[in-house]
Amino acid sequence: MSDPTINVRNARKSYGTVTALDGASLRVDRGETLGLVGRNGAGKTTLFKLLVGHETPDGGDVTVAGLSPDAGTALRERVGYLPESAGFPPSLTGREVLSFHARVRDVPNDNARAASSACSA
């Protein structure tokens, strides 16, 4: 059996006295599709934040495409995350939004400017 694309084993995460995940485990193999359903506060968003490296688990193991979520740029090159409320202030221009995303993903300035110019052409 090949290595899973997503592998979570006994992941735990708390915020102060609130336990968001308590021993969550799942495996998603290449080509599989997974739907994650649960009530508010069940830990869905926390799990996604662990998968993309926005949060660090208090315990357990999390890997995505064989990488630990703390792999930084190597992981961001392969994984995207769009939270439910990902709005930007309406005062930002499209170019400013693209610039923000480029900085977050460590895209070199020249590449970001070229991509931004191509979008506005």
PDB file of N, CA and C in Angstrom:
ATOM      1  N   MET A   1       0.847  -1.184   0.000  1.00  0.00           N
ATOM      2  CA  MET A   1       0.000   0.000   0.000  1.00  0.00           C
ATOM      3  C   MET A   1       0.888   1.241   0.000  1.00  0.00           C
ATOM      4  N   SER A   2       0.527   2.241  -0.794  1.00  0.00           N
ATOM      5  CA  SER A   2       1.329   3.460  -0.886  1.00  0.00           C
ATOM      6  C   SER A   2       1.078   4.361   0.322  1.00  0.00           C
ATOM      7  N   ASP A   3       1.956   5.348   0.464  1.00  0.00           N
ATOM      8  CA  ASP A   3       1.789   6.313   1.543  1.00  0.00           C
ATOM      9  C   ASP A   3       0.532   7.134   1.294  1.00  0.00           C
ATOM     10  N   PRO A   4      -0.209   7.452   2.351  1.00  0.00           N
ATOM     11  CA  PRO A   4      -1.421   8.247   2.168  1.00  0.00           C
ATOM     12  C   PRO A   4      -1.097   9.688   1.798  1.00  0.00           C
ATOM     13  N   THR A   5      -2.018  10.324   1.085  1.00  0.00           N
ATOM     14  CA  THR A   5      -1.871  11.741   0.771  1.00  0.00           C
ATOM     15  C   THR A   5      -2.056  12.569   2.033  1.00  0.00           C
ATOM     16  N   ILE A   6      -3.044  12.205   2.833  1.00  0.00           N
ATOM     17  CA  ILE A   6      -3.275  12.850   4.130  1.00  0.00           C
ATOM     18  C   ILE A   6      -3.278  11.761   5.183  1.00  0.00           C
ATOM     19  N   ASN A   7      -2.507  11.967   6.236  1.00  0.00           N
ATOM     20  CA  ASN A   7      -2.467  10.996   7.319  1.00  0.00           C
ATOM     21  C   ASN A   7      -2.488  11.746   8.650  1.00  0.00           C
ATOM     22  N   VAL A   8      -3.515  11.489   9.427  1.00  0.00           N
ATOM     23  CA  VAL A   8      -3.657  12.107  10.745  1.00  0.00           C
ATOM     24  C   VAL A   8      -3.797  10.974  11.749  1.00  0.00           C
ATOM     25  N   ARG A   9      -2.908  10.966  12.735  1.00  0.00           N
ATOM     26  CA  ARG A   9      -2.961   9.923  13.762  1.00  0.00           C
ATOM     27  C   ARG A   9      -2.989  10.554  15.146  1.00  0.00           C
ATOM     28  N   ASN A  10      -4.094  10.342  15.838  1.00  0.00           N
ATOM     29  CA  ASN A  10      -4.247  10.751  17.227  1.00  0.00           C
ATOM     30  C   ASN A  10      -3.958  12.242  17.432  1.00  0.00           C
ATOM     31  N   ALA A  11      -4.410  13.082  16.501  1.00  0.00           N
ATOM     32  CA  ALA A  11      -4.153  14.524  16.591  1.00  0.00           C
ATOM     33  C   ALA A  11      -4.953  15.136  17.736  1.00  0.00           C
ATOM     34  N   ARG A  12      -4.259  15.966  18.491  1.00  0.00           N
ATOM     35  CA  ARG A  12      -4.892  16.656  19.611  1.00  0.00           C
ATOM     36  C   ARG A  12      -4.589  18.143  19.517  1.00  0.00           C
ATOM     37  N   LYS A  13      -5.594  18.961  19.817  1.00  0.00           N
ATOM     38  CA  LYS A  13      -5.412  20.410  19.829  1.00  0.00           C
ATOM     39  C   LYS A  13      -6.403  21.025  20.799  1.00  0.00           C
ATOM     40  N   SER A  14      -5.874  21.861  21.686  1.00  0.00           N
ATOM     41  CA  SER A  14      -6.706  22.595  22.637  1.00  0.00           C
ATOM     42  C   SER A  14      -6.384  24.069  22.542  1.00  0.00           C
ATOM     43  N   TYR A  15      -7.370  24.872  22.860  1.00  0.00           N
ATOM     44  CA  TYR A  15      -7.213  26.318  22.966  1.00  0.00           C
ATOM     45  C   TYR A  15      -7.588  26.669  24.401  1.00  0.00           C
ATOM     46  N   GLY A  16      -6.596  26.836  25.242  1.00  0.00           N
ATOM     47  CA  GLY A  16      -6.866  27.048  26.663  1.00  0.00           C
ATOM     48  C   GLY A  16      -7.540  25.815  27.240  1.00  0.00           C
ATOM     49  N   THR A  17      -8.718  25.997  27.811  1.00  0.00           N
ATOM     50  CA  THR A  17      -9.438  24.870  28.414  1.00  0.00           C
ATOM     51  C   THR A  17     -10.382  24.179  27.433  1.00  0.00           C
ATOM     52  N   VAL A  18     -10.447  24.676  26.195  1.00  0.00           N
ATOM     53  CA  VAL A  18     -11.348  24.102  25.187  1.00  0.00           C
ATOM     54  C   VAL A  18     -10.581  23.103  24.328  1.00  0.00           C
ATOM     55  N   THR A  19     -11.045  21.864  24.317  1.00  0.00           N
ATOM     56  CA  THR A  19     -10.438  20.831  23.480  1.00  0.00           C
ATOM     57  C   THR A  19     -11.132  20.831  22.124  1.00  0.00           C
ATOM     58  N   ALA A  20     -10.378  21.157  21.083  1.00  0.00           N
ATOM     59  CA  ALA A  20     -10.939  21.197  19.731  1.00  0.00           C
ATOM     60  C   ALA A  20     -10.833  19.836  19.051  1.00  0.00           C
ATOM     61  N   LEU A  21      -9.722  19.145  19.249  1.00  0.00           N
ATOM     62  CA  LEU A  21      -9.525  17.789  18.716  1.00  0.00           C
ATOM     63  C   LEU A  21      -8.949  16.922  19.824  1.00  0.00           C
ATOM     64  N   ASP A  22      -9.489  15.729  19.961  1.00  0.00           N
ATOM     65  CA  ASP A  22      -9.030  14.829  21.020  1.00  0.00           C
ATOM     66  C   ASP A  22      -8.807  13.435  20.446  1.00  0.00           C
ATOM     67  N   GLY A  23      -7.669  13.261  19.792  1.00  0.00           N
ATOM     68  CA  GLY A  23      -7.337  11.955  19.244  1.00  0.00           C
ATOM     69  C   GLY A  23      -7.917  11.694  17.867  1.00  0.00           C
ATOM     70  N   ALA A  24      -8.019  12.727  17.045  1.00  0.00           N
ATOM     71  CA  ALA A  24      -8.571  12.565  15.691  1.00  0.00           C
ATOM     72  C   ALA A  24      -7.603  11.787  14.807  1.00  0.00           C
ATOM     73  N   SER A  25      -8.146  10.855  14.033  1.00  0.00           N
ATOM     74  CA  SER A  25      -7.338  10.079  13.096  1.00  0.00           C
ATOM     75  C   SER A  25      -8.101   9.909  11.790  1.00  0.00           C
ATOM     76  N   LEU A  26      -7.387  10.017  10.676  1.00  0.00           N
ATOM     77  CA  LEU A  26      -7.969   9.724   9.370  1.00  0.00           C
ATOM     78  C   LEU A  26      -6.850   9.505   8.370  1.00  0.00           C
ATOM     79  N   ARG A  27      -7.208   8.822   7.307  1.00  0.00           N
ATOM     80  CA  ARG A  27      -6.260   8.541   6.226  1.00  0.00           C
ATOM     81  C   ARG A  27      -6.992   8.769   4.912  1.00  0.00           C
ATOM     82  N   VAL A  28      -6.360   9.522   4.019  1.00  0.00           N
ATOM     83  CA  VAL A  28      -6.911   9.755   2.685  1.00  0.00           C
ATOM     84  C   VAL A  28      -5.826   9.374   1.689  1.00  0.00           C
ATOM     85  N   ASP A  29      -6.123   8.392   0.859  1.00  0.00           N
ATOM     86  CA  ASP A  29      -5.152   7.941  -0.133  1.00  0.00           C
ATOM     87  C   ASP A  29      -5.310   8.722  -1.429  1.00  0.00           C
ATOM     88  N   ARG A  30      -4.271   8.684  -2.235  1.00  0.00           N
ATOM     89  CA  ARG A  30      -4.279   9.370  -3.528  1.00  0.00           C
ATOM     90  C   ARG A  30      -5.516   8.954  -4.322  1.00  0.00           C
ATOM     91  N   GLY A  31      -6.207   9.950  -4.877  1.00  0.00           N
ATOM     92  CA  GLY A  31      -7.384   9.689  -5.690  1.00  0.00           C
ATOM     93  C   GLY A  31      -8.684   9.611  -4.915  1.00  0.00           C
ATOM     94  N   GLU A  32      -8.616   9.520  -3.600  1.00  0.00           N
ATOM     95  CA  GLU A  32      -9.833   9.474  -2.795  1.00  0.00           C
ATOM     96  C   GLU A  32     -10.397  10.877  -2.596  1.00  0.00           C
ATOM     97  N   THR A  33     -11.696  10.933  -2.404  1.00  0.00           N
ATOM     98  CA  THR A  33     -12.375  12.183  -2.079  1.00  0.00           C
ATOM     99  C   THR A  33     -12.976  12.025  -0.696  1.00  0.00           C
ATOM    100  N   LEU A  34     -12.809  13.053   0.120  1.00  0.00           N
ATOM    101  CA  LEU A  34     -13.302  12.997   1.490  1.00  0.00           C
ATOM    102  C   LEU A  34     -14.199  14.188   1.759  1.00  0.00           C
ATOM    103  N   GLY A  35     -15.342  13.943   2.342  1.00  0.00           N
ATOM    104  CA  GLY A  35     -16.212  15.009   2.831  1.00  0.00           C
ATOM    105  C   GLY A  35     -16.150  15.003   4.339  1.00  0.00           C
ATOM    106  N   LEU A  36     -15.922  16.143   4.925  1.00  0.00           N
ATOM    107  CA  LEU A  36     -15.823  16.254   6.377  1.00  0.00           C
ATOM    108  C   LEU A  36     -17.050  17.006   6.877  1.00  0.00           C
ATOM    109  N   VAL A  37     -17.903  16.306   7.611  1.00  0.00           N
ATOM    110  CA  VAL A  37     -19.163  16.864   8.069  1.00  0.00           C
ATOM    111  C   VAL A  37     -19.222  16.765   9.586  1.00  0.00           C
ATOM    112  N   GLY A  38     -19.745  17.797  10.217  1.00  0.00           N
ATOM    113  CA  GLY A  38     -19.913  17.761  11.669  1.00  0.00           C
ATOM    114  C   GLY A  38     -20.582  19.027  12.154  1.00  0.00           C
ATOM    115  N   ARG A  39     -21.028  18.987  13.372  1.00  0.00           N
ATOM    116  CA  ARG A  39     -21.709  20.144  13.954  1.00  0.00           C
ATOM    117  C   ARG A  39     -20.707  21.264  14.206  1.00  0.00           C
ATOM    118  N   ASN A  40     -21.213  22.453  14.488  1.00  0.00           N
ATOM    119  CA  ASN A  40     -20.349  23.572  14.868  1.00  0.00           C
ATOM    120  C   ASN A  40     -19.548  23.183  16.105  1.00  0.00           C
ATOM    121  N   GLY A  41     -18.268  23.485  16.074  1.00  0.00           N
ATOM    122  CA  GLY A  41     -17.413  23.187  17.218  1.00  0.00           C
ATOM    123  C   GLY A  41     -16.880  21.768  17.252  1.00  0.00           C
ATOM    124  N   ALA A  42     -17.147  20.983  16.199  1.00  0.00           N
ATOM    125  CA  ALA A  42     -16.703  19.589  16.185  1.00  0.00           C
ATOM    126  C   ALA A  42     -15.212  19.443  15.900  1.00  0.00           C
ATOM    127  N   GLY A  43     -14.567  20.498  15.386  1.00  0.00           N
ATOM    128  CA  GLY A  43     -13.132  20.438  15.128  1.00  0.00           C
ATOM    129  C   GLY A  43     -12.746  20.410  13.663  1.00  0.00           C
ATOM    130  N   LYS A  44     -13.707  20.592  12.764  1.00  0.00           N
ATOM    131  CA  LYS A  44     -13.410  20.535  11.324  1.00  0.00           C
ATOM    132  C   LYS A  44     -12.399  21.601  10.911  1.00  0.00           C
ATOM    133  N   THR A  45     -12.646  22.832  11.294  1.00  0.00           N
ATOM    134  CA  THR A  45     -11.740  23.926  10.929  1.00  0.00           C
ATOM    135  C   THR A  45     -10.383  23.736  11.575  1.00  0.00           C
ATOM    136  N   THR A  46     -10.365  23.305  12.813  1.00  0.00           N
ATOM    137  CA  THR A  46      -9.091  23.058  13.500  1.00  0.00           C
ATOM    138  C   THR A  46      -8.294  21.992  12.764  1.00  0.00           C
ATOM    139  N   LEU A  47      -8.952  20.933  12.332  1.00  0.00           N
ATOM    140  CA  LEU A  47      -8.265  19.878  11.586  1.00  0.00           C
ATOM    141  C   LEU A  47      -7.643  20.441  10.313  1.00  0.00           C
ATOM    142  N   PHE A  48      -8.401  21.240   9.566  1.00  0.00           N
ATOM    143  CA  PHE A  48      -7.848  21.830   8.345  1.00  0.00           C
ATOM    144  C   PHE A  48      -6.675  22.757   8.651  1.00  0.00           C
ATOM    145  N   LYS A  49      -6.766  23.512   9.727  1.00  0.00           N
ATOM    146  CA  LYS A  49      -5.656  24.392  10.103  1.00  0.00           C
ATOM    147  C   LYS A  49      -4.410  23.584  10.438  1.00  0.00           C
ATOM    148  N   LEU A  50      -4.580  22.414  11.040  1.00  0.00           N
ATOM    149  CA  LEU A  50      -3.430  21.543  11.305  1.00  0.00           C
ATOM    150  C   LEU A  50      -2.848  21.019   9.998  1.00  0.00           C
ATOM    151  N   LEU A  51      -3.719  20.638   9.065  1.00  0.00           N
ATOM    152  CA  LEU A  51      -3.258  20.067   7.796  1.00  0.00           C
ATOM    153  C   LEU A  51      -2.429  21.045   6.976  1.00  0.00           C
ATOM    154  N   VAL A  52      -2.773  22.325   7.017  1.00  0.00           N
ATOM    155  CA  VAL A  52      -2.055  23.303   6.195  1.00  0.00           C
ATOM    156  C   VAL A  52      -0.988  24.069   6.966  1.00  0.00           C
ATOM    157  N   GLY A  53      -0.805  23.737   8.238  1.00  0.00           N
ATOM    158  CA  GLY A  53       0.262  24.364   9.007  1.00  0.00           C
ATOM    159  C   GLY A  53      -0.086  25.697   9.634  1.00  0.00           C
ATOM    160  N   HIS A  54      -1.372  26.064   9.655  1.00  0.00           N
ATOM    161  CA  HIS A  54      -1.763  27.313  10.313  1.00  0.00           C
ATOM    162  C   HIS A  54      -1.780  27.157  11.824  1.00  0.00           C
ATOM    163  N   GLU A  55      -1.896  25.928  12.296  1.00  0.00           N
ATOM    164  CA  GLU A  55      -1.847  25.599  13.721  1.00  0.00           C
ATOM    165  C   GLU A  55      -0.929  24.395  13.884  1.00  0.00           C
ATOM    166  N   THR A  56      -0.397  24.237  15.079  1.00  0.00           N
ATOM    167  CA  THR A  56       0.466  23.103  15.405  1.00  0.00           C
ATOM    168  C   THR A  56      -0.295  22.178  16.346  1.00  0.00           C
ATOM    169  N   PRO A  57      -0.296  20.874  16.085  1.00  0.00           N
ATOM    170  CA  PRO A  57      -1.006  19.978  17.000  1.00  0.00           C
ATOM    171  C   PRO A  57      -0.312  19.928  18.361  1.00  0.00           C
ATOM    172  N   ASP A  58      -1.109  19.750  19.400  1.00  0.00           N
ATOM    173  CA  ASP A  58      -0.550  19.566  20.739  1.00  0.00           C
ATOM    174  C   ASP A  58       0.015  18.164  20.885  1.00  0.00           C
ATOM    175  N   GLY A  59      -0.440  17.248  20.058  1.00  0.00           N
ATOM    176  CA  GLY A  59       0.047  15.878  20.084  1.00  0.00           C
ATOM    177  C   GLY A  59      -0.432  15.145  18.854  1.00  0.00           C
ATOM    178  N   GLY A  60       0.128  13.983  18.612  1.00  0.00           N
ATOM    179  CA  GLY A  60      -0.238  13.191  17.455  1.00  0.00           C
ATOM    180  C   GLY A  60       0.614  13.540  16.244  1.00  0.00           C
ATOM    181  N   ASP A  61       0.308  12.893  15.129  1.00  0.00           N
ATOM    182  CA  ASP A  61       1.066  13.084  13.891  1.00  0.00           C
ATOM    183  C   ASP A  61       0.144  13.528  12.768  1.00  0.00           C
ATOM    184  N   VAL A  62       0.620  14.488  11.976  1.00  0.00           N
ATOM    185  CA  VAL A  62      -0.126  14.994  10.824  1.00  0.00           C
ATOM    186  C   VAL A  62       0.848  15.098   9.660  1.00  0.00           C
ATOM    187  N   THR A  63       0.512  14.468   8.523  1.00  0.00           N
ATOM    188  CA  THR A  63       1.313  14.634   7.309  1.00  0.00           C
ATOM    189  C   THR A  63       0.383  14.833   6.115  1.00  0.00           C
ATOM    190  N   VAL A  64       0.841  15.649   5.183  1.00  0.00           N
ATOM    191  CA  VAL A  64       0.125  15.914   3.938  1.00  0.00           C
ATOM    192  C   VAL A  64       1.138  15.759   2.814  1.00  0.00           C
ATOM    193  N   ALA A  65       0.855  14.866   1.883  1.00  0.00           N
ATOM    194  CA  ALA A  65       1.774  14.586   0.774  1.00  0.00           C
ATOM    195  C   ALA A  65       3.160  14.231   1.301  1.00  0.00           C
ATOM    196  N   GLY A  66       3.195  13.522   2.416  1.00  0.00           N
ATOM    197  CA  GLY A  66       4.460  13.097   3.005  1.00  0.00           C
ATOM    198  C   GLY A  66       5.187  14.175   3.777  1.00  0.00           C
ATOM    199  N   LEU A  67       4.601  15.363   3.866  1.00  0.00           N
ATOM    200  CA  LEU A  67       5.251  16.490   4.535  1.00  0.00           C
ATOM    201  C   LEU A  67       4.550  16.825   5.839  1.00  0.00           C
ATOM    202  N   SER A  68       5.334  17.214   6.812  1.00  0.00           N
ATOM    203  CA  SER A  68       4.782  17.734   8.055  1.00  0.00           C
ATOM    204  C   SER A  68       4.251  19.133   7.782  1.00  0.00           C
ATOM    205  N   PRO A  69       3.151  19.535   8.413  1.00  0.00           N
ATOM    206  CA  PRO A  69       2.624  20.881   8.183  1.00  0.00           C
ATOM    207  C   PRO A  69       3.593  22.004   8.522  1.00  0.00           C
ATOM    208  N   ASP A  70       4.647  21.725   9.264  1.00  0.00           N
ATOM    209  CA  ASP A  70       5.637  22.775   9.539  1.00  0.00           C
ATOM    210  C   ASP A  70       6.710  22.833   8.455  1.00  0.00           C
ATOM    211  N   ALA A  71       6.469  22.164   7.324  1.00  0.00           N
ATOM    212  CA  ALA A  71       7.426  22.161   6.212  1.00  0.00           C
ATOM    213  C   ALA A  71       7.464  23.492   5.471  1.00  0.00           C
ATOM    214  N   GLY A  72       6.585  24.419   5.821  1.00  0.00           N
ATOM    215  CA  GLY A  72       6.621  25.765   5.249  1.00  0.00           C
ATOM    216  C   GLY A  72       6.330  25.796   3.765  1.00  0.00           C
ATOM    217  N   THR A  73       7.239  26.411   3.024  1.00  0.00           N
ATOM    218  CA  THR A  73       7.043  26.637   1.591  1.00  0.00           C
ATOM    219  C   THR A  73       6.805  25.336   0.834  1.00  0.00           C
ATOM    220  N   ALA A  74       7.517  24.278   1.193  1.00  0.00           N
ATOM    221  CA  ALA A  74       7.353  23.003   0.489  1.00  0.00           C
ATOM    222  C   ALA A  74       5.906  22.521   0.557  1.00  0.00           C
ATOM    223  N   LEU A  75       5.261  22.723   1.694  1.00  0.00           N
ATOM    224  CA  LEU A  75       3.863  22.325   1.822  1.00  0.00           C
ATOM    225  C   LEU A  75       2.950  23.311   1.101  1.00  0.00           C
ATOM    226  N   ARG A  76       3.199  24.608   1.255  1.00  0.00           N
ATOM    227  CA  ARG A  76       2.345  25.618   0.624  1.00  0.00           C
ATOM    228  C   ARG A  76       2.359  25.509  -0.897  1.00  0.00           C
ATOM    229  N   GLU A  77       3.427  24.962  -1.470  1.00  0.00           N
ATOM    230  CA  GLU A  77       3.478  24.767  -2.916  1.00  0.00           C
ATOM    231  C   GLU A  77       2.527  23.666  -3.373  1.00  0.00           C
ATOM    232  N   ARG A  78       2.083  22.819  -2.448  1.00  0.00           N
ATOM    233  CA  ARG A  78       1.264  21.673  -2.827  1.00  0.00           C
ATOM    234  C   ARG A  78      -0.158  21.706  -2.283  1.00  0.00           C
ATOM    235  N   VAL A  79      -0.415  22.567  -1.289  1.00  0.00           N
ATOM    236  CA  VAL A  79      -1.701  22.551  -0.604  1.00  0.00           C
ATOM    237  C   VAL A  79      -2.265  23.958  -0.517  1.00  0.00           C
ATOM    238  N   GLY A  80      -3.547  24.091  -0.769  1.00  0.00           N
ATOM    239  CA  GLY A  80      -4.220  25.372  -0.598  1.00  0.00           C
ATOM    240  C   GLY A  80      -5.330  25.250   0.424  1.00  0.00           C
ATOM    241  N   TYR A  81      -5.696  26.364   1.013  1.00  0.00           N
ATOM    242  CA  TYR A  81      -6.743  26.379   2.032  1.00  0.00           C
ATOM    243  C   TYR A  81      -7.523  27.672   1.887  1.00  0.00           C
ATOM    244  N   LEU A  82      -8.833  27.573   1.758  1.00  0.00           N
ATOM    245  CA  LEU A  82      -9.683  28.748   1.665  1.00  0.00           C
ATOM    246  C   LEU A  82     -10.700  28.674   2.789  1.00  0.00           C
ATOM    247  N   PRO A  83     -10.500  29.464   3.849  1.00  0.00           N
ATOM    248  CA  PRO A  83     -11.444  29.417   4.966  1.00  0.00           C
ATOM    249  C   PRO A  83     -12.803  29.977   4.564  1.00  0.00           C
ATOM    250  N   GLU A  84     -13.792  29.648   5.360  1.00  0.00           N
ATOM    251  CA  GLU A  84     -15.167  30.055   5.072  1.00  0.00           C
ATOM    252  C   GLU A  84     -15.303  31.566   4.955  1.00  0.00           C
ATOM    253  N   SER A  85     -14.652  32.296   5.832  1.00  0.00           N
ATOM    254  CA  SER A  85     -14.753  33.757   5.807  1.00  0.00           C
ATOM    255  C   SER A  85     -13.411  34.349   5.404  1.00  0.00           C
ATOM    256  N   ALA A  86     -13.118  34.239   4.116  1.00  0.00           N
ATOM    257  CA  ALA A  86     -11.811  34.673   3.616  1.00  0.00           C
ATOM    258  C   ALA A  86     -11.891  36.017   2.913  1.00  0.00           C
ATOM    259  N   GLY A  87     -12.809  36.842   3.335  1.00  0.00           N
ATOM    260  CA  GLY A  87     -12.989  38.116   2.662  1.00  0.00           C
ATOM    261  C   GLY A  87     -11.850  39.086   2.900  1.00  0.00           C
ATOM    262  N   PHE A  88     -11.702  40.009   1.981  1.00  0.00           N
ATOM    263  CA  PHE A  88     -10.728  41.090   2.095  1.00  0.00           C
ATOM    264  C   PHE A  88     -11.498  42.392   2.222  1.00  0.00           C
ATOM    265  N   PRO A  89     -10.898  43.383   2.849  1.00  0.00           N
ATOM    266  CA  PRO A  89     -11.575  44.682   2.906  1.00  0.00           C
ATOM    267  C   PRO A  89     -11.894  45.169   1.494  1.00  0.00           C
ATOM    268  N   PRO A  90     -13.078  45.716   1.280  1.00  0.00           N
ATOM    269  CA  PRO A  90     -13.464  46.148  -0.066  1.00  0.00           C
ATOM    270  C   PRO A  90     -12.580  47.263  -0.613  1.00  0.00           C
ATOM    271  N   SER A  91     -11.800  47.893   0.246  1.00  0.00           N
ATOM    272  CA  SER A  91     -10.922  48.973  -0.212  1.00  0.00           C
ATOM    273  C   SER A  91      -9.693  48.452  -0.957  1.00  0.00           C
ATOM    274  N   LEU A  92      -9.394  47.140  -0.841  1.00  0.00           N
ATOM    275  CA  LEU A  92      -8.226  46.586  -1.530  1.00  0.00           C
ATOM    276  C   LEU A  92      -8.508  46.411  -3.016  1.00  0.00           C
ATOM    277  N   THR A  93      -7.509  46.704  -3.821  1.00  0.00           N
ATOM    278  CA  THR A  93      -7.620  46.450  -5.257  1.00  0.00           C
ATOM    279  C   THR A  93      -7.309  44.983  -5.525  1.00  0.00           C
ATOM    280  N   GLY A  94      -7.653  44.523  -6.704  1.00  0.00           N
ATOM    281  CA  GLY A  94      -7.310  43.158  -7.086  1.00  0.00           C
ATOM    282  C   GLY A  94      -5.810  42.919  -7.027  1.00  0.00           C
ATOM    283  N   ARG A  95      -5.041  43.894  -7.465  1.00  0.00           N
ATOM    284  CA  ARG A  95      -3.578  43.784  -7.443  1.00  0.00           C
ATOM    285  C   ARG A  95      -3.069  43.633  -6.001  1.00  0.00           C
ATOM    286  N   GLU A  96      -3.682  44.361  -5.067  1.00  0.00           N
ATOM    287  CA  GLU A  96      -3.270  44.265  -3.662  1.00  0.00           C
ATOM    288  C   GLU A  96      -3.598  42.892  -3.077  1.00  0.00           C
ATOM    289  N   VAL A  97      -4.729  42.323  -3.464  1.00  0.00           N
ATOM    290  CA  VAL A  97      -5.085  40.978  -3.006  1.00  0.00           C
ATOM    291  C   VAL A  97      -4.084  39.964  -3.548  1.00  0.00           C
ATOM    292  N   LEU A  98      -3.747  40.067  -4.842  1.00  0.00           N
ATOM    293  CA  LEU A  98      -2.751  39.163  -5.427  1.00  0.00           C
ATOM    294  C   LEU A  98      -1.397  39.335  -4.749  1.00  0.00           C
ATOM    295  N   SER A  99      -1.020  40.554  -4.461  1.00  0.00           N
ATOM    296  CA  SER A  99       0.250  40.827  -3.790  1.00  0.00           C
ATOM    297  C   SER A  99       0.279  40.188  -2.408  1.00  0.00           C
ATOM    298  N   PHE A 100      -0.833  40.287  -1.692  1.00  0.00           N
ATOM    299  CA  PHE A 100      -0.922  39.660  -0.371  1.00  0.00           C
ATOM    300  C   PHE A 100      -0.686  38.157  -0.472  1.00  0.00           C
ATOM    301  N   HIS A 101      -1.405  37.506  -1.393  1.00  0.00           N
ATOM    302  CA  HIS A 101      -1.262  36.054  -1.537  1.00  0.00           C
ATOM    303  C   HIS A 101       0.158  35.679  -1.965  1.00  0.00           C
ATOM    304  N   ALA A 102       0.766  36.466  -2.795  1.00  0.00           N
ATOM    305  CA  ALA A 102       2.142  36.191  -3.225  1.00  0.00           C
ATOM    306  C   ALA A 102       3.086  36.235  -2.031  1.00  0.00           C
ATOM    307  N   ARG A 103       2.923  37.229  -1.170  1.00  0.00           N
ATOM    308  CA  ARG A 103       3.794  37.325   0.016  1.00  0.00           C
ATOM    309  C   ARG A 103       3.589  36.140   0.946  1.00  0.00           C
ATOM    310  N   VAL A 104       2.334  35.750   1.155  1.00  0.00           N
ATOM    311  CA  VAL A 104       2.033  34.629   2.044  1.00  0.00           C
ATOM    312  C   VAL A 104       2.673  33.344   1.522  1.00  0.00           C
ATOM    313  N   ARG A 105       2.695  33.186   0.203  1.00  0.00           N
ATOM    314  CA  ARG A 105       3.214  31.953  -0.393  1.00  0.00           C
ATOM    315  C   ARG A 105       4.676  32.059  -0.816  1.00  0.00           C
ATOM    316  N   ASP A 106       5.352  33.124  -0.383  1.00  0.00           N
ATOM    317  CA  ASP A 106       6.778  33.321  -0.682  1.00  0.00           C
ATOM    318  C   ASP A 106       7.081  33.358  -2.178  1.00  0.00           C
ATOM    319  N   VAL A 107       6.179  33.919  -2.964  1.00  0.00           N
ATOM    320  CA  VAL A 107       6.408  34.073  -4.406  1.00  0.00           C
ATOM    321  C   VAL A 107       7.355  35.256  -4.599  1.00  0.00           C
ATOM    322  N   PRO A 108       8.435  35.085  -5.360  1.00  0.00           N
ATOM    323  CA  PRO A 108       9.361  36.200  -5.595  1.00  0.00           C
ATOM    324  C   PRO A 108       8.630  37.413  -6.177  1.00  0.00           C
ATOM    325  N   ASN A 109       9.051  38.613  -5.776  1.00  0.00           N
ATOM    326  CA  ASN A 109       8.381  39.852  -6.199  1.00  0.00           C
ATOM    327  C   ASN A 109       8.244  39.965  -7.710  1.00  0.00           C
ATOM    328  N   ASP A 110       9.304  39.638  -8.455  1.00  0.00           N
ATOM    329  CA  ASP A 110       9.241  39.745  -9.918  1.00  0.00           C
ATOM    330  C   ASP A 110       8.156  38.835 -10.493  1.00  0.00           C
ATOM    331  N   ASN A 111       8.064  37.614  -9.979  1.00  0.00           N
ATOM    332  CA  ASN A 111       7.036  36.679 -10.455  1.00  0.00           C
ATOM    333  C   ASN A 111       5.641  37.192 -10.122  1.00  0.00           C
ATOM    334  N   ALA A 112       5.488  37.742  -8.918  1.00  0.00           N
ATOM    335  CA  ALA A 112       4.181  38.251  -8.494  1.00  0.00           C
ATOM    336  C   ALA A 112       3.754  39.429  -9.361  1.00  0.00           C
ATOM    337  N   ARG A 113       4.689  40.334  -9.642  1.00  0.00           N
ATOM    338  CA  ARG A 113       4.360  41.487 -10.488  1.00  0.00           C
ATOM    339  C   ARG A 113       3.981  41.035 -11.898  1.00  0.00           C
ATOM    340  N   ALA A 114       4.711  40.076 -12.436  1.00  0.00           N
ATOM    341  CA  ALA A 114       4.415  39.584 -13.787  1.00  0.00           C
ATOM    342  C   ALA A 114       3.030  38.930 -13.832  1.00  0.00           C
ATOM    343  N   ALA A 115       2.706  38.132 -12.826  1.00  0.00           N
ATOM    344  CA  ALA A 115       1.396  37.471 -12.785  1.00  0.00           C
ATOM    345  C   ALA A 115       0.282  38.492 -12.629  1.00  0.00           C
ATOM    346  N   SER A 116       0.516  39.482 -11.777  1.00  0.00           N
ATOM    347  CA  SER A 116      -0.481  40.528 -11.561  1.00  0.00           C
ATOM    348  C   SER A 116      -0.716  41.320 -12.843  1.00  0.00           C
ATOM    349  N   SER A 117       0.351  41.641 -13.552  1.00  0.00           N
ATOM    350  CA  SER A 117       0.225  42.379 -14.815  1.00  0.00           C
ATOM    351  C   SER A 117      -0.517  41.557 -15.859  1.00  0.00           C
ATOM    352  N   ALA A 118      -0.240  40.254 -15.894  1.00  0.00           N
ATOM    353  CA  ALA A 118      -0.910  39.385 -16.862  1.00  0.00           C
ATOM    354  C   ALA A 118      -2.411  39.331 -16.594  1.00  0.00           C
ATOM    355  N   CYS A 119      -2.798  39.371 -15.323  1.00  0.00           N
ATOM    356  CA  CYS A 119      -4.224  39.324 -14.974  1.00  0.00           C
ATOM    357  C   CYS A 119      -4.943  40.603 -15.354  1.00  0.00           C
ATOM    358  N   SER A 120      -4.231  41.713 -15.321  1.00  0.00           N
ATOM    359  CA  SER A 120      -4.892  42.987 -15.603  1.00  0.00           C
ATOM    360  C   SER A 120      -4.774  43.396 -17.066  1.00  0.00           C
ATOM    361  N   ALA A 121      -4.121  42.565 -17.871  1.00  0.00           N
ATOM    362  CA  ALA A 121      -3.937  42.900 -19.294  1.00  0.00           C
ATOM    363  C   ALA A 121      -5.193  42.647 -20.083  1.00  0.00           C
TER     364      ALA A 121
END
